[in-house]
Amino acid sequence: MLQGSLNREKFLDFMHRLLPGMNPHWDVNGNRTFLPESILVLDNCSSHRCEEFYQLARQYRVKLAFTPPYMPW
């Protein structure tokens, strides 16, 4: 549980712990594979948009998908 508001530093700390576990995957034979890539869906919070995070996602082969600016649900 995060106490207080989310800032870029806290977000990056969390991503450094989360992204390594998103890949690899295992195929039906139990062989380790990095395909398909994981997809992480994020909103447009400013802390989600920084080059360090983009590089980290590329390093772990995680694709990023951002929601549209307005999501009515």
Protein backbone atom coordinates (compact mmCIF):
# COMPACT_ATOMS: atom_id res chain seq x y z
CA MET A 1 0.00 0.00 0.00
CA LEU A 2 1.33 3.38 -0.98
CA GLN A 3 1.02 6.14 1.58
CA GLY A 4 0.57 9.64 0.17
CA SER A 5 0.46 10.67 -3.45
CA LEU A 6 2.23 8.96 -6.32
CA ASN A 7 5.20 10.77 -7.79
CA ARG A 8 7.70 9.79 -10.46
CA GLU A 9 10.23 8.43 -7.94
CA LYS A 10 7.67 6.14 -6.26
CA PHE A 11 6.30 5.04 -9.62
CA LEU A 12 9.76 4.14 -10.96
CA ASP A 13 10.60 2.27 -7.75
CA PHE A 14 7.43 0.19 -8.18
CA MET A 15 8.14 -0.42 -11.89
CA HIS A 16 11.69 -1.60 -11.09
CA ARG A 17 10.07 -4.31 -8.94
CA LEU A 18 7.11 -5.10 -11.23
CA LEU A 19 8.55 -5.25 -14.74
CA PRO A 20 11.13 -8.02 -14.21
CA GLY A 21 8.31 -10.39 -13.28
CA MET A 22 6.11 -9.62 -16.27
CA ASN A 23 8.32 -11.65 -18.62
CA PRO A 24 9.32 -14.41 -19.24
CA HIS A 25 6.53 -16.74 -20.24
CA TRP A 26 6.67 -20.50 -20.64
CA ASP A 27 5.37 -22.40 -23.64
CA VAL A 28 3.24 -25.56 -23.44
CA ASN A 29 6.38 -27.70 -23.18
CA GLY A 30 7.68 -25.78 -20.19
CA ASN A 31 10.38 -23.99 -22.15
CA ARG A 32 11.15 -20.41 -21.18
CA THR A 33 10.28 -17.90 -23.86
CA PHE A 34 9.98 -14.12 -23.96
CA LEU A 35 7.06 -14.22 -26.38
CA PRO A 36 4.39 -13.00 -26.31
CA GLU A 37 5.42 -9.76 -24.73
CA SER A 38 3.47 -8.54 -21.74
CA ILE A 39 1.32 -5.44 -22.16
CA LEU A 40 1.03 -2.89 -19.37
CA VAL A 41 -1.98 -0.55 -19.57
CA LEU A 42 -1.60 2.84 -17.90
CA ASP A 43 -3.57 6.03 -17.63
CA ASN A 44 -2.06 9.37 -18.60
CA CYS A 45 -0.71 10.38 -15.22
CA SER A 46 2.36 12.57 -15.75
CA SER A 47 4.53 10.26 -13.62
CA HIS A 48 3.91 7.48 -16.16
CA ARG A 49 5.54 9.45 -18.94
CA CYS A 50 9.29 9.61 -18.54
CA GLU A 51 12.20 8.31 -20.57
CA GLU A 52 13.60 6.22 -17.72
CA PHE A 53 10.33 4.28 -17.54
CA TYR A 54 10.21 3.81 -21.33
CA GLN A 55 13.77 2.44 -21.29
CA LEU A 56 12.94 0.10 -18.44
CA ALA A 57 9.90 -1.24 -20.31
CA ARG A 58 12.03 -1.82 -23.43
CA GLN A 59 14.68 -3.59 -21.35
CA TYR A 60 12.10 -6.09 -20.08
CA ARG A 61 10.27 -6.26 -23.42
CA VAL A 62 7.02 -4.96 -21.95
CA LYS A 63 4.74 -3.11 -24.32
CA LEU A 64 3.03 0.01 -23.01
CA ALA A 65 -0.53 0.99 -23.83
CA PHE A 66 -1.99 4.28 -22.62
CA THR A 67 -5.68 4.88 -22.16
CA PRO A 68 -7.27 7.80 -24.03
CA PRO A 69 -7.26 11.08 -22.10
CA TYR A 70 -10.94 10.69 -21.26
CA MET A 71 -12.38 7.39 -20.07
CA PRO A 72 -16.04 7.81 -19.02
CA TRP A 73 -16.27 4.50 -17.17
